[in-house]
Protein backbone atom coordinates (compact mmCIF):
# COMPACT_ATOMS: atom_id res chain seq x y z
CA MET A 1 -100.00 46.17 -117.84
CA PRO A 2 -96.99 48.82 -117.90
CA VAL A 3 -97.30 52.31 -119.01
CA ILE A 4 -95.83 52.77 -122.68
CA ILE A 5 -94.89 56.08 -123.97
CA PRO A 6 -93.80 55.58 -127.52
CA ALA A 7 -91.38 58.12 -129.08
CA LEU A 8 -89.46 58.88 -132.36
CA ASP A 9 -85.93 59.54 -132.24
CA LYS A 10 -86.48 63.24 -132.99
CA THR A 11 -88.82 63.59 -130.01
CA LEU A 12 -87.74 66.03 -127.39
CA ALA A 13 -86.60 64.08 -124.40
CA ALA A 14 -88.26 66.71 -122.03
CA ASN A 15 -91.58 65.97 -123.60
CA ILE A 16 -91.13 62.33 -122.62
CA GLN A 17 -89.74 63.32 -119.25
CA HIS A 18 -92.73 65.48 -118.67
CA ALA A 19 -95.13 62.61 -119.80
CA ALA A 20 -93.46 60.17 -117.52
CA GLN A 21 -93.71 62.46 -114.58
CA ARG A 22 -97.47 62.65 -114.78
CA TYR A 23 -97.55 58.73 -114.77
CA PHE A 24 -95.23 58.74 -111.57
CA ASP A 25 -97.33 61.52 -110.06
CA ALA A 26 -100.26 59.23 -110.48
CA GLY A 27 -98.70 56.20 -108.56
CA GLU A 28 -96.85 54.36 -111.36
CA GLN A 29 -93.36 53.06 -110.61
CA LYS A 30 -92.10 52.66 -114.08
CA VAL A 31 -92.82 53.20 -117.61
CA VAL A 32 -91.61 51.75 -120.90
CA ILE A 33 -90.41 53.98 -123.84
CA PRO A 34 -89.78 52.45 -127.17
CA VAL A 35 -87.66 54.66 -129.30
CA CYS A 36 -88.28 54.54 -133.07
CA ASN A 37 -85.24 55.48 -135.24
CA ASP A 38 -86.34 55.48 -138.76
CA ASN A 39 -83.10 56.13 -141.00
CA LYS A 40 -84.57 56.76 -144.36
CA GLN A 41 -81.14 57.13 -146.02
CA ASN A 42 -80.11 53.48 -145.23
CA ASN A 43 -83.73 52.42 -145.59
CA THR A 44 -83.43 50.80 -141.86
CA PHE A 45 -85.53 50.99 -138.85
CA GLU A 46 -84.34 50.45 -135.18
CA LEU A 47 -86.57 50.07 -132.15
CA ARG A 48 -84.87 50.60 -128.63
CA VAL A 49 -86.59 50.52 -125.52
CA LEU A 50 -86.01 52.41 -122.37
CA VAL A 51 -87.44 51.70 -119.06
CA LEU A 52 -87.65 54.65 -116.75
CA SER A 53 -88.28 54.64 -113.30
CA ASP A 54 -88.90 57.50 -110.63
CA GLN A 55 -86.91 55.61 -107.97
CA ASP A 56 -83.28 54.20 -108.06
CA ALA A 57 -83.77 50.50 -109.18
CA PRO A 58 -81.26 48.22 -110.67
CA GLY A 59 -81.96 47.78 -114.33
CA PHE A 60 -84.08 50.91 -114.81
CA TRP A 61 -83.05 54.31 -115.46
CA SER A 62 -84.19 56.88 -112.59
CA LEU A 63 -86.00 59.96 -113.79
CA ASN A 64 -83.60 61.92 -111.79
CA LYS A 65 -80.58 60.69 -113.43
CA LEU A 66 -81.90 61.73 -116.80
CA GLU A 67 -80.41 65.08 -116.93
CA PHE A 68 -80.19 66.74 -120.43
CA HIS A 69 -80.34 69.99 -122.13
CA GLU A 70 -83.63 71.58 -123.19
CA GLN A 71 -83.40 70.50 -126.73
CA ALA A 72 -82.14 66.90 -126.38
CA THR A 73 -83.84 64.38 -128.45
CA MET A 74 -84.60 60.92 -127.78
CA ALA A 75 -81.87 59.78 -130.12
CA GLN A 76 -79.47 61.38 -128.02
CA VAL A 77 -80.74 59.80 -124.96
CA VAL A 78 -80.63 56.58 -126.44
CA GLU A 79 -77.04 57.21 -127.58
CA ALA A 80 -76.16 58.10 -123.97
CA VAL A 81 -77.49 54.73 -122.66
CA ALA A 82 -74.66 52.22 -122.26
CA PRO A 83 -74.65 49.55 -125.31
CA ASP A 84 -75.17 46.72 -122.97
CA GLU A 85 -78.17 48.19 -121.34
CA GLN A 86 -79.86 48.78 -124.74
CA TRP A 87 -82.39 46.34 -126.01
CA LYS A 88 -82.20 46.24 -129.80
CA PHE A 89 -84.81 44.55 -131.96
CA ASP A 90 -84.74 43.25 -135.47
CA THR A 91 -85.75 45.50 -138.43
CA PRO A 92 -89.51 45.30 -138.67
CA ASP A 93 -91.38 45.17 -142.11
CA ALA A 94 -92.93 48.02 -143.71
CA GLU A 95 -96.40 47.32 -142.25
CA LYS A 96 -95.10 46.96 -138.66
CA ARG A 97 -92.99 50.35 -139.23
CA GLN A 98 -96.26 51.96 -140.25
CA GLU A 99 -98.32 50.57 -137.43
CA PHE A 100 -95.64 51.93 -135.11
CA GLN A 101 -95.64 55.36 -136.81
CA ASN A 102 -99.34 55.38 -136.56
CA LEU A 103 -99.44 54.53 -132.79
CA ILE A 104 -96.87 57.25 -132.11
CA GLY A 105 -99.22 59.81 -134.22
CA SER A 106 -102.26 58.99 -132.18
CA ALA A 107 -100.44 59.37 -128.76
């Protein structure tokens, strides 16, 4: 089972990077990061998934390649990813949205 680190779009990317590094230090080779973008103005919800690796590997983002300023959010990281490398999912219903937000809150 891959390591999954859920994040909201407003989560600081540095926090996710530090969490991922702990798993890499423990021997994991990659982590999956679902990023939830909850746009209340448009009543939409997007879930984008990043796969992060501590090594240079085709199809994965290397931890060393993710250089961003200290206050960068996960939304900014997702926007920096090439569109053809983003995984976009359909809009989940309100129940799934709440389930995901609860999961993030418990992490």
